[in-house]
Every structure is written in structure tokens, then in C-alpha cells.
Amino acid sequence: MRILVTGVCGQLGHDAVNNASSRGYEVIGSDIQEVYSGIPDGSEVTKTPYVTLDITDCDAVHSVIEEIRPDVIIHCAAWTAVDAAEEESNRQKVHSINADGTKNIAEAANATGCKMLYVSTDYVFDGHGERPWQPDDKCYAPLNVYGRSKLDGELAVSGLLEKFFIVRTAWAFGLNGDNFIKTMINAGKTHDQVSVVNDQIGTPTYTVDLARLLVDMAETDRYGYYHVTNEGGYISWYDFCVEIYRQYGLSTKVIPVSTEEYGLSKALRPYNSRLDKSKLTASGFDPLPDWKDAVSRYLAEAML
């Protein structure tokens, strides 16, 4: 199986290449940079054939995918800076990458007949209530520019393809990039106390674990919408930070605050990021490990 992974300079794309390569698949990585610019960790991604690709360039996308002719595209490339997306000067670029770029990939996948896995987000929902979101829920009402752009990407994929997976995830952290764990450990090393919101509820996702599942999906034809995070129940960002400090050995005091009290974000965040993952096991896929176990493995690898 030949797999094209976009966004390999990011957290998830990096891990998707490593997982697929470790199974013996032929993998090609792509990103907008002229050369691979992720962590030089000596893993498979640093040895994988790399193609420079601007997904907003429709002609380039069609040309590259026609030449590679992958069996599967795992589309991880995205604008993920949620607050920066709210800036007027960035809004068109965000839409060009997350919506138009995804449409370009989907059109090329349709033209070559390959499968496509699109990684989306809980931010496509309005974040209200306490009921976990179901994969096939259609009650979209994104609260911010990032969420709207990812929803438009979803609609492009589902409107153009039959052989697709739309995989929504939340609270991602991985080795190849910045994330909540790194941010909070750095803050904890330099502050006696930190304030973290306790009224936004969801579950973290380790990109190493998510990448494994994406490749599992790529091996099948069990298409559709899925929700994927690590197991271990629903928690707040405050709970997440407390566990990070406990495992890392920091004594920094964590102060729970409301989103309103925190007040530093430009983008509105969903209060309810609970994702129902029962469709995974019902479809024969293995769920991800407990998030506390994921944090432990991440800390052991990250050497922060």
C-alpha cells in the first residue's frame, strides 16, 4: 500500500509517517517547506521520501497526487493556530488552507480513486450542553474561524468522495511541535502558580496513538465519520494540567478558573468537547489507551 501523508512537519503527520513506515508500507511525506523541518529524531519520517506541496495550489496538488498515485491519502496538513485564525489578516489564509486546500486534496483523490482520511476537530460543533457529540451528529455551529474552516473541509470531503474517513479529535499533543503539555511545564518551571480553565470538558489525544489508528483505518474500507481521543473519561484542562504536573514532579499550584475569568483567548472555545467514541469499537477498531498512560509515554519520549 502506498500512502501519502500531508503535513509531515506537524505533530500528527510526523507520527502517521512513522507508524505507516514501521508496518512496511511505502510512504511519501509532504508539507509546504522546501525540506523536511520537523524534529531530527532519526525516526522513519526523516528517511521517508519528501515532496514539497502547497495544498492551496490546486494545479500542484493534482500534479503531485497524479504522479504519486497513492492508495491512501492521510491529510494532516492544516492551520491549527486557533487564536491567530481570528485575526482579520489571517482569516482568508485559514480558509484557503483548511477548506480550499482540503477540497483540492479531495478532488485529486477522487480523480485517482484513492481513499482519503481527513483529520478534523470537535470545534465543528457549537460546544454547548453536556451530551457527548456523536460522529454522525449534524448539529454544526462552529464558534470560531478555525472551526468553520475545518467544517468546510469536512463538507468538501464528504461531498466529493465515497471512500473517505472523517476523523474528529481534540486536545492533541505530540512530540513534533508545541502543545499544552509543553506550555504548562514551561510555565510551571518559572511560576509558583498557574491558572487553568476548569469549565471546558473533553479528553486529550496523543498523536502517536491517533496515528496508529489512522493507519489501522487506512487498511480497511469501513468508511465514515469517527471520533477519536484517548480513553480515560472526560476531564477539564485543569484536570489535565494537575496530572501533567503530578507525573512530571512539579509542585506548582494549579488554580481552577472559569473561561470567563481566564479571559485571554481571542477565539471562543467550546465548553463541551466530549466526543463519543463507541463507533470505533462497533466498527472493529481498537480504541486508544488511557490518556494518563499517554501522558506518561509522552513525557518519557519528550525529555522536557
C-alpha atoms as a PDB file:
ATOM      1  CA  MET A   1       0.000   0.000   0.000  1.00  0.00           C
ATOM      2  CA  ARG A   2       1.307   3.434  -0.977  1.00  0.00           C
ATOM      3  CA  ILE A   3       0.393   6.201   1.454  1.00  0.00           C
ATOM      4  CA  LEU A   4       0.746   9.956   1.015  1.00  0.00           C
ATOM      5  CA  VAL A   5       0.790  11.885   4.298  1.00  0.00           C
ATOM      6  CA  THR A   6       0.341  15.666   4.212  1.00  0.00           C
ATOM      7  CA  GLY A   7       1.556  17.956   6.971  1.00  0.00           C
ATOM      8  CA  VAL A   8       4.515  15.793   7.986  1.00  0.00           C
ATOM      9  CA  CYS A   9       6.264  18.734   9.649  1.00  0.00           C
ATOM     10  CA  GLY A  10       3.498  18.813  12.265  1.00  0.00           C
ATOM     11  CA  GLN A  11       2.702  16.613  15.243  1.00  0.00           C
ATOM     12  CA  LEU A  12       0.268  14.153  13.686  1.00  0.00           C
ATOM     13  CA  GLY A  13       1.766  13.952  10.206  1.00  0.00           C
ATOM     14  CA  HIS A  14       5.149  13.113  11.723  1.00  0.00           C
ATOM     15  CA  ASP A  15       3.665  10.256  13.728  1.00  0.00           C
ATOM     16  CA  ALA A  16       1.497   8.977  10.864  1.00  0.00           C
ATOM     17  CA  VAL A  17       4.591   8.574   8.656  1.00  0.00           C
ATOM     18  CA  ASN A  18       6.462   6.770  11.417  1.00  0.00           C
ATOM     19  CA  ASN A  19       3.607   4.363  12.076  1.00  0.00           C
ATOM     20  CA  ALA A  20       2.886   3.565   8.433  1.00  0.00           C
ATOM     21  CA  SER A  21       6.593   3.111   7.646  1.00  0.00           C
ATOM     22  CA  SER A  22       7.060   0.797  10.630  1.00  0.00           C
ATOM     23  CA  ARG A  23       4.445  -1.515   9.090  1.00  0.00           C
ATOM     24  CA  GLY A  24       6.379  -1.741   5.855  1.00  0.00           C
ATOM     25  CA  TYR A  25       4.159   0.486   3.726  1.00  0.00           C
ATOM     26  CA  GLU A  26       5.547   2.734   1.029  1.00  0.00           C
ATOM     27  CA  VAL A  27       5.134   6.238   2.446  1.00  0.00           C
ATOM     28  CA  ILE A  28       5.642   9.663   0.907  1.00  0.00           C
ATOM     29  CA  GLY A  29       5.515  12.740   3.128  1.00  0.00           C
ATOM     30  CA  SER A  30       4.611  16.264   2.072  1.00  0.00           C
ATOM     31  CA  ASP A  31       4.485  19.758   3.536  1.00  0.00           C
ATOM     32  CA  ILE A  32       4.864  23.323   2.329  1.00  0.00           C
ATOM     33  CA  GLN A  33       8.510  23.686   3.408  1.00  0.00           C
ATOM     34  CA  GLU A  34      11.212  23.069   0.804  1.00  0.00           C
ATOM     35  CA  VAL A  35      12.808  20.416   3.022  1.00  0.00           C
ATOM     36  CA  TYR A  36      11.527  18.410   5.974  1.00  0.00           C
ATOM     37  CA  SER A  37      11.712  20.664   9.035  1.00  0.00           C
ATOM     38  CA  GLY A  38      10.446  18.525  11.891  1.00  0.00           C
ATOM     39  CA  ILE A  39      12.419  17.168  14.796  1.00  0.00           C
ATOM     40  CA  PRO A  40      15.619  15.410  13.621  1.00  0.00           C
ATOM     41  CA  ASP A  41      14.942  12.361  15.769  1.00  0.00           C
ATOM     42  CA  GLY A  42      16.291   9.751  13.390  1.00  0.00           C
ATOM     43  CA  SER A  43      12.860   8.139  13.058  1.00  0.00           C
ATOM     44  CA  GLU A  44      11.303   6.907   9.828  1.00  0.00           C
ATOM     45  CA  VAL A  45       9.939  10.322   8.893  1.00  0.00           C
ATOM     46  CA  THR A  46      13.465  11.692   8.442  1.00  0.00           C
ATOM     47  CA  LYS A  47      14.226   8.862   5.990  1.00  0.00           C
ATOM     48  CA  THR A  48      10.954   8.997   4.062  1.00  0.00           C
ATOM     49  CA  PRO A  49      10.691  10.472   0.542  1.00  0.00           C
ATOM     50  CA  TYR A  50       9.542  14.071   0.885  1.00  0.00           C
ATOM     51  CA  VAL A  51       7.612  16.234  -1.575  1.00  0.00           C
ATOM     52  CA  THR A  52       7.140  19.971  -1.187  1.00  0.00           C
ATOM     53  CA  LEU A  53       3.445  20.717  -1.634  1.00  0.00           C
ATOM     54  CA  ASP A  54       1.331  23.823  -1.111  1.00  0.00           C
ATOM     55  CA  ILE A  55      -2.133  22.348  -0.734  1.00  0.00           C
ATOM     56  CA  THR A  56      -3.724  25.690  -1.652  1.00  0.00           C
ATOM     57  CA  ASP A  57      -2.213  25.360  -5.156  1.00  0.00           C
ATOM     58  CA  CYS A  58      -4.822  23.292  -6.963  1.00  0.00           C
ATOM     59  CA  ASP A  59      -2.692  22.507 -10.006  1.00  0.00           C
ATOM     60  CA  ALA A  60       0.253  21.439  -7.860  1.00  0.00           C
ATOM     61  CA  VAL A  61      -1.946  19.174  -5.752  1.00  0.00           C
ATOM     62  CA  HIS A  62      -3.382  17.415  -8.803  1.00  0.00           C
ATOM     63  CA  SER A  63       0.056  17.083 -10.393  1.00  0.00           C
ATOM     64  CA  VAL A  64       1.730  15.619  -7.287  1.00  0.00           C
ATOM     65  CA  ILE A  65      -1.070  13.177  -6.491  1.00  0.00           C
ATOM     66  CA  GLU A  66      -1.368  12.092 -10.117  1.00  0.00           C
ATOM     67  CA  GLU A  67       2.374  11.388 -10.163  1.00  0.00           C
ATOM     68  CA  ILE A  68       2.460   9.554  -6.813  1.00  0.00           C
ATOM     69  CA  ARG A  69      -0.873   7.765  -7.330  1.00  0.00           C
ATOM     70  CA  PRO A  70      -1.261   6.780  -3.671  1.00  0.00           C
ATOM     71  CA  ASP A  71      -3.703   4.160  -2.480  1.00  0.00           C
ATOM     72  CA  VAL A  72      -4.439   6.314   0.570  1.00  0.00           C
ATOM     73  CA  ILE A  73      -4.023   9.976   1.493  1.00  0.00           C
ATOM     74  CA  ILE A  74      -3.801  10.775   5.202  1.00  0.00           C
ATOM     75  CA  HIS A  75      -4.479  14.504   5.223  1.00  0.00           C
ATOM     76  CA  CYS A  76      -2.939  16.059   8.337  1.00  0.00           C
ATOM     77  CA  ALA A  77      -1.897  19.442   6.894  1.00  0.00           C
ATOM     78  CA  ALA A  78      -3.874  22.277   8.499  1.00  0.00           C
ATOM     79  CA  TRP A  79      -3.802  25.713  10.060  1.00  0.00           C
ATOM     80  CA  THR A  80      -4.125  24.906  13.766  1.00  0.00           C
ATOM     81  CA  ALA A  81      -3.344  28.238  15.493  1.00  0.00           C
ATOM     82  CA  VAL A  82      -6.859  28.813  16.781  1.00  0.00           C
ATOM     83  CA  ASP A  83      -6.423  32.299  18.255  1.00  0.00           C
ATOM     84  CA  ALA A  84      -4.317  33.596  15.361  1.00  0.00           C
ATOM     85  CA  ALA A  85      -7.055  32.441  12.997  1.00  0.00           C
ATOM     86  CA  GLU A  86      -9.342  35.124  14.432  1.00  0.00           C
ATOM     87  CA  GLU A  87      -7.114  37.941  13.193  1.00  0.00           C
ATOM     88  CA  GLU A  88      -8.644  39.622  10.165  1.00  0.00           C
ATOM     89  CA  SER A  89      -5.367  39.406   8.252  1.00  0.00           C
ATOM     90  CA  ASN A  90      -5.286  35.604   8.662  1.00  0.00           C
ATOM     91  CA  ARG A  91      -8.892  34.612   8.036  1.00  0.00           C
ATOM     92  CA  GLN A  92      -8.629  34.126   4.275  1.00  0.00           C
ATOM     93  CA  LYS A  93      -5.404  32.158   4.646  1.00  0.00           C
ATOM     94  CA  VAL A  94      -7.007  29.886   7.243  1.00  0.00           C
ATOM     95  CA  HIS A  95      -9.911  29.175   4.895  1.00  0.00           C
ATOM     96  CA  SER A  96      -7.550  28.654   1.951  1.00  0.00           C
ATOM     97  CA  ILE A  97      -5.582  26.012   3.863  1.00  0.00           C
ATOM     98  CA  ASN A  98      -8.246  24.195   5.856  1.00  0.00           C
ATOM     99  CA  ALA A  99     -11.165  24.390   3.425  1.00  0.00           C
ATOM    100  CA  ASP A 100      -9.880  25.075  -0.091  1.00  0.00           C
ATOM    101  CA  GLY A 101      -6.703  23.055   0.426  1.00  0.00           C
ATOM    102  CA  THR A 102      -8.698  20.101   1.685  1.00  0.00           C
ATOM    103  CA  LYS A 103     -11.040  20.407  -1.292  1.00  0.00           C
ATOM    104  CA  ASN A 104      -8.035  20.300  -3.611  1.00  0.00           C
ATOM    105  CA  ILE A 105      -6.810  17.115  -1.958  1.00  0.00           C
ATOM    106  CA  ALA A 106     -10.289  15.558  -2.127  1.00  0.00           C
ATOM    107  CA  GLU A 107     -10.678  16.405  -5.821  1.00  0.00           C
ATOM    108  CA  ALA A 108      -7.318  14.835  -6.595  1.00  0.00           C
ATOM    109  CA  ALA A 109      -8.203  11.764  -4.514  1.00  0.00           C
ATOM    110  CA  ASN A 110     -11.438  11.446  -6.455  1.00  0.00           C
ATOM    111  CA  ALA A 111      -9.597  11.737  -9.763  1.00  0.00           C
ATOM    112  CA  THR A 112      -7.157   8.955  -8.866  1.00  0.00           C
ATOM    113  CA  GLY A 113      -9.649   6.760  -6.999  1.00  0.00           C
ATOM    114  CA  CYS A 114      -7.750   6.611  -3.713  1.00  0.00           C
ATOM    115  CA  LYS A 115      -9.011   6.618  -0.146  1.00  0.00           C
ATOM    116  CA  MET A 116      -8.780   9.791   1.937  1.00  0.00           C
ATOM    117  CA  LEU A 117      -8.549  10.239   5.683  1.00  0.00           C
ATOM    118  CA  TYR A 118      -9.287  13.793   6.810  1.00  0.00           C
ATOM    119  CA  VAL A 119      -8.404  14.777  10.366  1.00  0.00           C
ATOM    120  CA  SER A 120     -10.984  17.192  11.773  1.00  0.00           C
ATOM    121  CA  THR A 121     -11.946  18.571  15.164  1.00  0.00           C
ATOM    122  CA  ASP A 122     -14.608  18.829  17.838  1.00  0.00           C
ATOM    123  CA  TYR A 123     -14.617  22.563  17.040  1.00  0.00           C
ATOM    124  CA  VAL A 124     -17.066  21.907  14.185  1.00  0.00           C
ATOM    125  CA  PHE A 125     -19.765  21.728  16.894  1.00  0.00           C
ATOM    126  CA  ASP A 126     -21.139  24.599  18.983  1.00  0.00           C
ATOM    127  CA  GLY A 127     -19.714  23.203  22.235  1.00  0.00           C
ATOM    128  CA  HIS A 128     -22.920  23.611  24.239  1.00  0.00           C
ATOM    129  CA  GLY A 129     -24.567  21.155  26.626  1.00  0.00           C
ATOM    130  CA  GLU A 130     -23.068  18.074  28.223  1.00  0.00           C
ATOM    131  CA  ARG A 131     -24.111  15.285  25.857  1.00  0.00           C
ATOM    132  CA  PRO A 132     -21.120  13.721  24.104  1.00  0.00           C
ATOM    133  CA  TRP A 133     -21.088  14.519  20.396  1.00  0.00           C
ATOM    134  CA  GLN A 134     -21.854  11.554  18.139  1.00  0.00           C
ATOM    135  CA  PRO A 135     -19.823  11.033  14.947  1.00  0.00           C
ATOM    136  CA  ASP A 136     -22.911  11.355  12.782  1.00  0.00           C
ATOM    137  CA  ASP A 137     -24.313  14.449  14.534  1.00  0.00           C
ATOM    138  CA  LYS A 138     -25.145  17.183  12.035  1.00  0.00           C
ATOM    139  CA  CYS A 139     -25.798  19.963  14.571  1.00  0.00           C
ATOM    140  CA  TYR A 140     -22.893  22.075  13.381  1.00  0.00           C
ATOM    141  CA  ALA A 141     -22.398  25.623  14.631  1.00  0.00           C
ATOM    142  CA  PRO A 142     -18.673  26.359  14.946  1.00  0.00           C
ATOM    143  CA  LEU A 143     -17.777  29.082  17.434  1.00  0.00           C
ATOM    144  CA  ASN A 144     -14.646  30.338  15.722  1.00  0.00           C
ATOM    145  CA  VAL A 145     -12.861  30.815  12.392  1.00  0.00           C
ATOM    146  CA  TYR A 146     -10.781  27.664  12.803  1.00  0.00           C
ATOM    147  CA  GLY A 147     -13.868  25.521  13.451  1.00  0.00           C
ATOM    148  CA  ARG A 148     -15.701  26.939  10.456  1.00  0.00           C
ATOM    149  CA  SER A 149     -12.742  26.281   8.183  1.00  0.00           C
ATOM    150  CA  LYS A 150     -12.438  22.672   9.343  1.00  0.00           C
ATOM    151  CA  LEU A 151     -16.172  22.126   8.862  1.00  0.00           C
ATOM    152  CA  ASP A 152     -15.899  23.445   5.312  1.00  0.00           C
ATOM    153  CA  GLY A 153     -13.090  20.939   4.804  1.00  0.00           C
ATOM    154  CA  GLU A 154     -15.346  18.144   6.064  1.00  0.00           C
ATOM    155  CA  LEU A 155     -18.126  19.155   3.696  1.00  0.00           C
ATOM    156  CA  ALA A 156     -15.714  19.190   0.762  1.00  0.00           C
ATOM    157  CA  VAL A 157     -14.512  15.660   1.547  1.00  0.00           C
ATOM    158  CA  SER A 158     -17.966  14.182   2.125  1.00  0.00           C
ATOM    159  CA  GLY A 159     -19.373  15.959  -0.934  1.00  0.00           C
ATOM    160  CA  LEU A 160     -16.695  14.742  -3.330  1.00  0.00           C
ATOM    161  CA  LEU A 161     -15.760  11.259  -2.146  1.00  0.00           C
ATOM    162  CA  GLU A 162     -17.280   7.925  -1.266  1.00  0.00           C
ATOM    163  CA  LYS A 163     -14.086   6.342   0.063  1.00  0.00           C
ATOM    164  CA  PHE A 164     -13.406   8.691   2.962  1.00  0.00           C
ATOM    165  CA  PHE A 165     -12.822   8.744   6.698  1.00  0.00           C
ATOM    166  CA  ILE A 166     -13.513  11.960   8.605  1.00  0.00           C
ATOM    167  CA  VAL A 167     -11.807  11.601  11.980  1.00  0.00           C
ATOM    168  CA  ARG A 168     -12.575  14.241  14.598  1.00  0.00           C
ATOM    169  CA  THR A 169     -10.184  14.552  17.502  1.00  0.00           C
ATOM    170  CA  ALA A 170      -9.479  17.000  20.337  1.00  0.00           C
ATOM    171  CA  TRP A 171      -6.754  18.314  22.640  1.00  0.00           C
ATOM    172  CA  ALA A 172      -3.906  16.838  20.619  1.00  0.00           C
ATOM    173  CA  PHE A 173      -0.329  16.632  21.858  1.00  0.00           C
ATOM    174  CA  GLY A 174       2.723  15.115  20.201  1.00  0.00           C
ATOM    175  CA  LEU A 175       6.492  15.227  20.064  1.00  0.00           C
ATOM    176  CA  ASN A 176       6.898  17.258  16.889  1.00  0.00           C
ATOM    177  CA  GLY A 177       5.602  20.706  17.824  1.00  0.00           C
ATOM    178  CA  ASP A 178       4.146  22.867  20.568  1.00  0.00           C
ATOM    179  CA  ASN A 179       1.260  21.673  22.709  1.00  0.00           C
ATOM    180  CA  PHE A 180      -0.485  22.140  26.054  1.00  0.00           C
ATOM    181  CA  ILE A 181       1.883  19.831  27.947  1.00  0.00           C
ATOM    182  CA  LYS A 182       4.997  21.690  26.838  1.00  0.00           C
ATOM    183  CA  THR A 183       3.379  25.055  27.514  1.00  0.00           C
ATOM    184  CA  MET A 184       2.261  24.140  31.029  1.00  0.00           C
ATOM    185  CA  ILE A 185       5.557  22.502  32.012  1.00  0.00           C
ATOM    186  CA  ASN A 186       7.458  25.580  30.859  1.00  0.00           C
ATOM    187  CA  ALA A 187       5.059  27.779  32.838  1.00  0.00           C
ATOM    188  CA  GLY A 188       5.314  25.526  35.877  1.00  0.00           C
ATOM    189  CA  LYS A 189       9.090  25.772  35.908  1.00  0.00           C
ATOM    190  CA  THR A 190       9.005  29.564  36.118  1.00  0.00           C
ATOM    191  CA  HIS A 191       5.860  30.270  38.188  1.00  0.00           C
ATOM    192  CA  ASP A 192       4.720  29.331  41.688  1.00  0.00           C
ATOM    193  CA  GLN A 193       1.146  29.000  40.462  1.00  0.00           C
ATOM    194  CA  VAL A 194      -0.763  28.869  37.182  1.00  0.00           C
ATOM    195  CA  SER A 195      -4.436  29.377  36.337  1.00  0.00           C
ATOM    196  CA  VAL A 196      -6.143  26.822  34.100  1.00  0.00           C
ATOM    197  CA  VAL A 197      -9.761  26.686  32.937  1.00  0.00           C
ATOM    198  CA  ASN A 198     -11.962  24.050  34.529  1.00  0.00           C
ATOM    199  CA  ASP A 199     -15.226  24.508  32.607  1.00  0.00           C
ATOM    200  CA  GLN A 200     -14.105  23.226  29.194  1.00  0.00           C
ATOM    201  CA  ILE A 201     -14.536  19.452  29.176  1.00  0.00           C
ATOM    202  CA  GLY A 202     -13.023  16.886  26.823  1.00  0.00           C
ATOM    203  CA  THR A 203     -10.285  14.251  26.555  1.00  0.00           C
ATOM    204  CA  PRO A 204      -6.649  14.570  25.416  1.00  0.00           C
ATOM    205  CA  THR A 205      -5.241  12.796  22.362  1.00  0.00           C
ATOM    206  CA  TYR A 206      -1.640  11.622  21.935  1.00  0.00           C
ATOM    207  CA  THR A 207      -0.790  11.883  18.255  1.00  0.00           C
ATOM    208  CA  VAL A 208       1.324   8.705  18.407  1.00  0.00           C
ATOM    209  CA  ASP A 209      -1.813   6.785  19.386  1.00  0.00           C
ATOM    210  CA  LEU A 210      -4.039   8.600  16.892  1.00  0.00           C
ATOM    211  CA  ALA A 211      -1.558   7.898  14.089  1.00  0.00           C
ATOM    212  CA  ARG A 212      -1.732   4.171  14.830  1.00  0.00           C
ATOM    213  CA  LEU A 213      -5.499   4.253  14.484  1.00  0.00           C
ATOM    214  CA  LEU A 214      -5.393   6.271  11.259  1.00  0.00           C
ATOM    215  CA  VAL A 215      -3.179   3.633   9.669  1.00  0.00           C
ATOM    216  CA  ASP A 216      -5.486   0.915  11.033  1.00  0.00           C
ATOM    217  CA  MET A 217      -8.361   2.681   9.261  1.00  0.00           C
ATOM    218  CA  ALA A 218      -6.381   3.054   6.052  1.00  0.00           C
ATOM    219  CA  GLU A 219      -6.108  -0.740   5.920  1.00  0.00           C
ATOM    220  CA  THR A 220      -9.918  -1.071   5.747  1.00  0.00           C
ATOM    221  CA  ASP A 221     -12.957   0.119   3.833  1.00  0.00           C
ATOM    222  CA  ARG A 222     -15.024   0.923   6.942  1.00  0.00           C
ATOM    223  CA  TYR A 223     -15.591   4.474   5.771  1.00  0.00           C
ATOM    224  CA  GLY A 224     -17.462   7.250   7.530  1.00  0.00           C
ATOM    225  CA  TYR A 225     -17.260   9.698  10.409  1.00  0.00           C
ATOM    226  CA  TYR A 226     -15.387   8.752  13.590  1.00  0.00           C
ATOM    227  CA  HIS A 227     -14.480  10.378  16.887  1.00  0.00           C
ATOM    228  CA  VAL A 228     -11.072   9.584  18.345  1.00  0.00           C
ATOM    229  CA  THR A 229      -9.353  10.620  21.559  1.00  0.00           C
ATOM    230  CA  ASN A 230      -7.538   8.632  24.190  1.00  0.00           C
ATOM    231  CA  GLU A 231      -9.668   6.717  26.672  1.00  0.00           C
ATOM    232  CA  GLY A 232      -9.946   7.562  30.364  1.00  0.00           C
ATOM    233  CA  GLY A 233     -13.111   9.648  30.614  1.00  0.00           C
ATOM    234  CA  TYR A 234     -13.907  13.331  30.237  1.00  0.00           C
ATOM    235  CA  ILE A 235     -11.817  15.896  32.095  1.00  0.00           C
ATOM    236  CA  SER A 236     -11.131  19.634  32.188  1.00  0.00           C
ATOM    237  CA  TRP A 237      -7.947  21.411  31.144  1.00  0.00           C
ATOM    238  CA  TYR A 238      -7.392  21.964  34.869  1.00  0.00           C
ATOM    239  CA  ASP A 239      -7.527  18.198  35.498  1.00  0.00           C
ATOM    240  CA  PHE A 240      -5.139  17.668  32.607  1.00  0.00           C
ATOM    241  CA  CYS A 241      -2.616  20.147  33.998  1.00  0.00           C
ATOM    242  CA  VAL A 242      -2.786  18.671  37.510  1.00  0.00           C
ATOM    243  CA  GLU A 243      -1.972  15.217  36.138  1.00  0.00           C
ATOM    244  CA  ILE A 244       0.856  16.574  33.969  1.00  0.00           C
ATOM    245  CA  TYR A 245       2.486  18.230  36.988  1.00  0.00           C
ATOM    246  CA  ARG A 246       1.977  15.120  39.126  1.00  0.00           C
ATOM    247  CA  GLN A 247       3.709  12.901  36.591  1.00  0.00           C
ATOM    248  CA  TYR A 248       6.451  15.405  35.830  1.00  0.00           C
ATOM    249  CA  GLY A 249       7.100  16.125  39.503  1.00  0.00           C
ATOM    250  CA  LEU A 250       6.290  19.833  39.599  1.00  0.00           C
ATOM    251  CA  SER A 251       4.913  21.349  42.810  1.00  0.00           C
ATOM    252  CA  THR A 252       3.463  24.394  41.023  1.00  0.00           C
ATOM    253  CA  LYS A 253      -0.008  25.212  42.349  1.00  0.00           C
ATOM    254  CA  VAL A 254      -2.787  24.927  39.759  1.00  0.00           C
ATOM    255  CA  ILE A 255      -5.704  27.355  40.223  1.00  0.00           C
ATOM    256  CA  PRO A 256      -9.007  26.350  38.576  1.00  0.00           C
ATOM    257  CA  VAL A 257     -10.731  29.278  36.844  1.00  0.00           C
ATOM    258  CA  SER A 258     -13.683  29.703  34.526  1.00  0.00           C
ATOM    259  CA  THR A 259     -13.245  30.529  30.864  1.00  0.00           C
ATOM    260  CA  GLU A 260     -14.626  33.981  31.604  1.00  0.00           C
ATOM    261  CA  GLU A 261     -12.141  34.510  34.445  1.00  0.00           C
ATOM    262  CA  TYR A 262      -9.247  33.330  32.284  1.00  0.00           C
ATOM    263  CA  GLY A 263     -10.203  35.729  29.515  1.00  0.00           C
ATOM    264  CA  LEU A 264      -7.026  35.536  27.419  1.00  0.00           C
ATOM    265  CA  SER A 265      -8.251  33.753  24.288  1.00  0.00           C
ATOM    266  CA  LYS A 266      -9.188  35.596  21.106  1.00  0.00           C
ATOM    267  CA  ALA A 267     -11.211  32.663  19.806  1.00  0.00           C
ATOM    268  CA  LEU A 268     -14.294  31.319  21.549  1.00  0.00           C
ATOM    269  CA  ARG A 269     -13.673  27.798  22.842  1.00  0.00           C
ATOM    270  CA  PRO A 270     -16.298  25.041  23.208  1.00  0.00           C
ATOM    271  CA  TYR A 271     -17.309  24.165  26.747  1.00  0.00           C
ATOM    272  CA  ASN A 272     -18.374  20.713  25.633  1.00  0.00           C
ATOM    273  CA  SER A 273     -15.663  18.839  23.750  1.00  0.00           C
ATOM    274  CA  ARG A 274     -16.941  15.424  24.804  1.00  0.00           C
ATOM    275  CA  LEU A 275     -16.631  13.055  21.828  1.00  0.00           C
ATOM    276  CA  ASP A 276     -18.458   9.728  21.845  1.00  0.00           C
ATOM    277  CA  LYS A 277     -16.028   7.097  20.569  1.00  0.00           C
ATOM    278  CA  SER A 278     -18.235   3.990  20.757  1.00  0.00           C
ATOM    279  CA  LYS A 279     -18.437   3.769  16.953  1.00  0.00           C
ATOM    280  CA  LEU A 280     -14.757   2.814  16.904  1.00  0.00           C
ATOM    281  CA  THR A 281     -15.194  -0.493  18.698  1.00  0.00           C
ATOM    282  CA  ALA A 282     -18.534  -1.108  16.984  1.00  0.00           C
ATOM    283  CA  SER A 283     -16.662  -0.869  13.672  1.00  0.00           C
ATOM    284  CA  GLY A 284     -13.897  -3.211  14.813  1.00  0.00           C
ATOM    285  CA  PHE A 285     -11.174  -0.673  15.585  1.00  0.00           C
ATOM    286  CA  ASP A 286      -9.049  -0.802  18.737  1.00  0.00           C
ATOM    287  CA  PRO A 287      -9.532   2.258  20.969  1.00  0.00           C
ATOM    288  CA  LEU A 288      -6.641   4.410  22.114  1.00  0.00           C
ATOM    289  CA  PRO A 289      -5.030   3.796  25.532  1.00  0.00           C
ATOM    290  CA  ASP A 290      -5.902   5.786  28.653  1.00  0.00           C
ATOM    291  CA  TRP A 291      -4.818   9.440  28.437  1.00  0.00           C
ATOM    292  CA  LYS A 292      -2.808   9.212  31.672  1.00  0.00           C
ATOM    293  CA  ASP A 293      -0.793   6.393  30.149  1.00  0.00           C
ATOM    294  CA  ALA A 294      -0.355   8.530  27.037  1.00  0.00           C
ATOM    295  CA  VAL A 295       0.980  11.432  29.104  1.00  0.00           C
ATOM    296  CA  SER A 296       3.471   9.079  30.772  1.00  0.00           C
ATOM    297  CA  ARG A 297       4.750   7.783  27.442  1.00  0.00           C
ATOM    298  CA  TYR A 298       4.927  11.289  26.003  1.00  0.00           C
ATOM    299  CA  LEU A 299       6.961  12.605  28.932  1.00  0.00           C
ATOM    300  CA  ALA A 300       9.353   9.678  28.650  1.00  0.00           C
ATOM    301  CA  GLU A 301       9.902  10.427  24.947  1.00  0.00           C
ATOM    302  CA  ALA A 302       9.869  14.235  25.058  1.00  0.00           C
ATOM    303  CA  MET A 303      12.614  14.581  27.676  1.00  0.00           C
ATOM    304  CA  LEU A 304      11.269  18.007  28.747  1.00  0.00           C
END
